[in-house]
Protein backbone atom coordinates (compact mmCIF):
# COMPACT_ATOMS: atom_id res chain seq x y z
CA MET A 1 0.00 0.00 0.00
CA THR A 2 1.23 3.52 -0.82
CA ASP A 3 2.50 5.60 2.08
CA ILE A 4 -0.26 7.86 3.37
CA LYS A 5 0.39 11.60 3.52
CA PRO A 6 -2.23 14.26 4.33
CA LEU A 7 -2.85 16.70 1.51
CA SER A 8 -0.85 19.41 3.29
CA GLU A 9 2.23 17.14 3.33
CA ALA A 10 1.68 16.14 -0.30
CA LEU A 11 1.55 19.82 -1.26
CA THR A 12 4.70 20.58 0.70
CA TYR A 13 6.46 17.74 -1.09
CA SER A 14 5.14 18.95 -4.44
CA CYS A 15 6.36 22.47 -3.79
CA GLN A 16 9.81 21.14 -2.94
CA LYS A 17 9.83 19.16 -6.18
CA GLY A 18 8.70 22.20 -8.15
CA VAL A 19 5.53 20.67 -9.53
CA ILE A 20 3.16 23.42 -8.41
CA GLN A 21 3.30 25.57 -11.51
CA MET A 22 -0.21 26.88 -12.16
CA SER A 23 -0.98 30.57 -11.91
CA THR A 24 -4.11 31.82 -10.18
CA GLU A 25 -6.74 32.79 -12.74
CA ALA A 26 -10.34 33.79 -12.27
CA GLN A 27 -11.06 31.70 -15.38
CA TRP A 28 -10.66 28.49 -13.39
CA ARG A 29 -14.36 28.67 -12.51
CA SER A 30 -15.26 27.96 -16.14
CA SER A 31 -14.07 24.37 -15.55
CA PHE A 32 -17.03 23.90 -13.19
CA PRO A 33 -20.35 24.81 -14.86
CA GLY A 34 -22.20 24.72 -11.54
CA LEU A 35 -20.27 27.79 -10.40
CA SER A 36 -21.46 29.93 -13.30
CA ARG A 37 -24.56 30.99 -11.38
CA VAL A 38 -22.86 32.34 -8.24
CA SER A 39 -22.97 36.05 -7.46
CA GLU A 40 -20.12 38.49 -7.97
CA GLU A 41 -19.56 38.56 -4.21
CA VAL A 42 -19.24 34.76 -4.04
CA SER A 43 -17.02 34.77 -7.14
CA ARG A 44 -14.65 37.17 -5.41
CA VAL A 45 -14.48 34.93 -2.34
CA LEU A 46 -13.83 31.90 -4.53
CA ASP A 47 -11.10 33.61 -6.52
CA ARG A 48 -9.42 34.93 -3.39
CA SER A 49 -9.48 31.51 -1.75
CA ALA A 50 -8.63 29.40 -4.81
CA LYS A 51 -5.24 27.73 -4.54
CA PRO A 52 -4.26 26.12 -7.85
CA VAL A 53 -2.04 23.05 -7.55
CA HIS A 54 -0.40 20.55 -9.86
CA LEU A 55 0.27 17.15 -8.26
CA ALA A 56 2.24 14.33 -9.80
CA GLU A 57 0.84 10.92 -10.69
CA GLY A 58 0.93 8.61 -7.67
CA THR A 59 0.62 11.36 -5.05
CA VAL A 60 -1.49 10.25 -2.08
CA ILE A 61 -3.75 13.27 -1.67
CA PHE A 62 -5.44 12.08 1.52
CA GLY A 63 -5.59 8.95 3.64
CA PRO A 64 -7.49 7.38 6.52
CA GLY A 65 -7.23 9.44 9.70
CA SER A 66 -6.07 12.65 8.01
CA PRO A 67 -8.23 15.78 8.39
CA ALA A 68 -10.03 17.45 5.50
CA GLN A 69 -8.57 20.94 5.18
CA ASN A 70 -9.61 21.97 1.65
CA LEU A 71 -12.40 21.33 -0.83
CA LEU A 72 -10.85 19.62 -3.87
CA LEU A 73 -12.05 20.73 -7.32
CA LEU A 74 -10.38 18.82 -10.15
CA ARG A 75 -9.53 20.70 -13.36
CA SER A 76 -7.73 17.88 -15.17
CA GLY A 77 -6.62 14.31 -14.59
CA SER A 78 -8.12 11.56 -12.46
CA VAL A 79 -8.15 10.80 -8.73
CA ARG A 80 -8.96 7.30 -7.47
CA VAL A 81 -10.73 7.06 -4.11
CA GLN A 82 -10.46 3.64 -2.51
CA GLN A 83 -11.20 1.93 0.80
CA LEU A 84 -8.99 -0.54 2.66
CA SER A 85 -10.65 -3.14 4.88
CA GLU A 86 -9.27 -4.48 8.15
CA THR A 87 -8.28 -7.67 6.30
CA GLY A 88 -6.25 -5.68 3.76
CA ARG A 89 -8.69 -5.94 0.87
CA GLU A 90 -9.07 -2.81 -1.26
CA ILE A 91 -12.03 -1.56 -3.28
CA VAL A 92 -12.29 1.42 -5.61
CA LEU A 93 -15.23 3.53 -4.44
CA TYR A 94 -15.22 6.09 -7.25
CA ARG A 95 -13.02 8.31 -9.38
CA VAL A 96 -12.96 12.08 -9.47
CA GLN A 97 -12.69 13.34 -13.04
CA ALA A 98 -12.09 16.80 -14.54
CA GLY A 99 -14.89 19.22 -13.65
CA GLU A 100 -15.86 17.31 -10.49
CA SER A 101 -15.33 17.72 -6.76
CA CYS A 102 -14.32 15.04 -4.27
CA VAL A 103 -17.48 14.24 -2.35
CA LEU A 104 -15.68 12.35 0.42
CA THR A 105 -13.80 15.57 1.09
CA THR A 106 -17.12 17.43 1.07
CA ALA A 107 -18.60 14.98 3.59
CA CYS A 108 -15.58 15.28 5.88
CA LEU A 109 -15.68 19.08 5.71
CA LEU A 110 -19.37 19.18 6.54
CA ALA A 111 -19.14 16.66 9.38
CA PHE A 112 -15.73 17.76 10.74
CA GLU A 113 -14.59 14.15 10.38
CA ASN A 114 -11.28 12.68 9.28
CA TYR A 115 -10.99 10.73 6.06
CA SER A 116 -11.88 7.03 6.15
CA ALA A 117 -10.47 6.23 2.69
CA GLU A 118 -7.55 7.29 0.53
CA GLY A 119 -7.38 9.40 -2.61
CA ILE A 120 -4.55 8.83 -5.10
CA ALA A 121 -3.69 10.80 -8.23
CA GLU A 122 -3.96 8.26 -11.07
CA THR A 123 -2.45 10.81 -13.46
CA ASP A 124 -0.78 14.17 -13.10
CA ILE A 125 -3.59 16.42 -11.92
CA GLU A 126 -4.45 20.10 -11.85
CA ALA A 127 -6.83 21.08 -9.09
CA ILE A 128 -8.22 24.01 -7.15
CA LEU A 129 -8.25 23.93 -3.35
CA ILE A 130 -10.76 25.98 -1.37
CA ALA A 131 -9.74 26.35 2.29
CA ARG A 132 -12.09 25.07 4.98
CA ASP A 133 -12.86 28.52 6.41
CA ASP A 134 -13.87 29.87 3.01
CA PHE A 135 -15.83 26.69 2.27
CA ASP A 136 -17.80 27.19 5.51
CA THR A 137 -18.44 30.83 4.65
CA LEU A 138 -19.62 30.08 1.12
CA ILE A 139 -21.90 27.27 2.28
CA SER A 140 -23.56 29.66 4.74
CA ILE A 141 -24.02 32.70 2.45
CA SER A 142 -24.61 31.32 -1.04
CA LYS A 143 -27.58 29.24 -2.15
CA ASP A 144 -25.96 28.65 -5.54
CA PHE A 145 -22.71 27.41 -4.01
CA ARG A 146 -24.68 25.06 -1.75
CA ALA A 147 -26.52 23.77 -4.83
CA PHE A 148 -23.19 23.16 -6.58
CA VAL A 149 -21.81 21.24 -3.60
CA PHE A 150 -24.89 19.15 -2.83
CA ASP A 151 -25.72 18.34 -6.45
CA ALA A 152 -22.32 16.66 -6.79
CA TYR A 153 -22.77 15.04 -3.39
CA SER A 154 -26.17 13.53 -4.22
CA ARG A 155 -25.04 12.18 -7.61
CA ARG A 156 -22.00 10.50 -6.09
CA MET A 157 -24.04 8.99 -3.25
CA THR A 158 -26.28 7.39 -5.88
CA ASP A 159 -23.19 5.94 -7.55
CA LEU A 160 -21.96 4.53 -4.24
CA PHE A 161 -25.28 2.79 -3.62
CA LEU A 162 -24.91 1.17 -7.04
CA VAL A 163 -21.44 -0.07 -6.02
CA ILE A 164 -22.94 -1.60 -2.87
CA GLU A 165 -25.73 -3.21 -4.89
CA GLU A 166 -23.27 -4.70 -7.36
CA ILE A 167 -21.05 -6.15 -4.64
CA ALA A 168 -23.99 -7.58 -2.72
CA PHE A 169 -26.21 -8.92 -5.50
CA LYS A 170 -24.58 -9.10 -8.93
CA ARG A 171 -22.81 -12.22 -10.18
CA MET A 172 -19.05 -11.88 -10.24
CA ASP A 173 -18.67 -13.11 -13.83
CA ILE A 174 -21.02 -10.36 -15.01
CA ARG A 175 -19.22 -7.72 -12.97
CA ILE A 176 -15.84 -8.79 -14.36
CA ALA A 177 -17.16 -8.69 -17.92
CA GLN A 178 -18.60 -5.21 -17.38
CA LYS A 179 -15.38 -3.92 -15.82
CA LEU A 180 -13.25 -5.35 -18.62
CA LEU A 181 -15.37 -3.56 -21.22
CA GLU A 182 -15.33 -0.34 -19.20
CA LEU A 183 -11.55 -0.36 -18.87
CA ALA A 184 -10.90 -1.57 -22.41
CA GLU A 185 -13.07 1.02 -24.19
CA THR A 186 -11.81 0.71 -27.79
CA ASN A 187 -8.61 -1.18 -26.97
CA ALA A 188 -8.37 -4.95 -27.02
CA ARG A 189 -5.32 -5.15 -24.74
CA LEU A 190 -5.56 -4.13 -21.09
CA HIS A 191 -2.43 -3.56 -19.05
CA LEU A 192 -3.54 -4.58 -15.57
CA THR A 193 -2.91 -7.37 -13.11
CA HIS A 194 -5.46 -9.68 -11.55
CA GLN A 195 -4.88 -7.86 -8.26
CA GLN A 196 -5.65 -4.49 -9.83
CA LEU A 197 -8.88 -5.86 -11.27
CA ALA A 198 -9.76 -7.34 -7.88
CA VAL A 199 -9.30 -3.91 -6.28
CA GLU A 200 -11.61 -2.37 -8.87
CA LEU A 201 -14.28 -4.94 -7.98
CA GLY A 202 -13.73 -5.20 -4.23
CA THR A 203 -13.06 -8.93 -4.24
CA ALA A 204 -10.17 -11.35 -3.79
CA ARG A 205 -7.51 -11.82 -6.45
CA GLU A 206 -8.15 -15.57 -6.44
CA VAL A 207 -11.79 -15.00 -7.39
CA VAL A 208 -10.80 -12.78 -10.32
CA SER A 209 -8.07 -15.17 -11.49
CA ARG A 210 -10.45 -18.12 -11.44
CA GLN A 211 -13.06 -16.28 -13.52
CA LEU A 212 -10.52 -14.89 -15.99
CA LYS A 213 -9.13 -18.37 -16.56
CA GLU A 214 -12.67 -19.55 -17.32
CA PHE A 215 -13.07 -16.72 -19.86
CA GLU A 216 -9.77 -17.76 -21.39
CA ARG A 217 -10.91 -21.39 -21.58
CA ARG A 218 -13.95 -20.21 -23.54
CA GLY A 219 -11.71 -18.33 -25.96
CA TRP A 220 -12.96 -14.90 -24.94
CA LEU A 221 -9.55 -13.54 -23.95
CA VAL A 222 -5.87 -14.36 -23.59
CA LEU A 223 -3.99 -13.87 -20.34
CA SER A 224 -0.32 -13.03 -19.96
CA ARG A 225 1.73 -11.40 -17.22
CA GLY A 226 0.22 -7.98 -16.51
CA THR A 227 -2.09 -8.00 -19.54
CA VAL A 228 -5.55 -9.16 -20.56
CA GLU A 229 -6.27 -9.26 -24.30
CA LEU A 230 -9.91 -9.44 -25.40
CA ARG A 231 -10.41 -11.85 -28.30
CA ASP A 232 -14.21 -12.15 -28.38
CA ARG A 233 -15.63 -8.79 -27.35
CA GLN A 234 -19.11 -9.79 -28.49
CA ALA A 235 -19.24 -12.75 -26.08
CA VAL A 236 -17.98 -10.60 -23.21
CA THR A 237 -20.55 -7.93 -24.09
CA GLN A 238 -23.38 -10.47 -24.13
CA LEU A 239 -22.43 -11.62 -20.65
CA ALA A 240 -22.05 -8.03 -19.41
CA GLU A 241 -25.58 -7.25 -20.60
CA THR A 242 -27.09 -10.21 -18.77
CA SER A 243 -29.71 -8.97 -16.32
């Protein structure tokens, strides 16, 4: 597991490495359509508070037990948010993509709770940080800012309930087929290990390996070290669409 550093430590490290390069621009708000409706007063508070950062791929942005100190608004890149169980099993809860906020951070800011999961930069990322004090002020004075925050929060909560439903009720072979298609997009060759796929699905590596070997036996794919090559996308798609 990657070493856990609170966001403040990650930013300090990034500054030392010279990777914080973005200049503060009022135009950053255009990356987040939900902020287009806020008043001039709220826009000024946002622009004054906004701290643009550029973090390198692999940076641990937050981890279990660390406090939430800033609202994270992602301008580019991808952040993976994952949970680690007491037995050491990992599951990907969701990803933050460009134009989105991290709703776990939002929840921790609202509840004054520490993080219970970790967020990792899957790529180099550009983000805007809004300090806790300014976040609290904006939540209290601006209906439009509250709508922006809670709209993202409600959509992500719906996604998380779907994750729970899939883990609890959906057959593993169907889930693996769906995840393979999701990750493959237009490519036939996936560069990922059985363990990485298990983390995506919140299950054991042995379960994934057993099912992938069955897909290989059927001629649907070919397995090699660190790669999965789809050979019969139609068959995998038919399974993925099974209700």
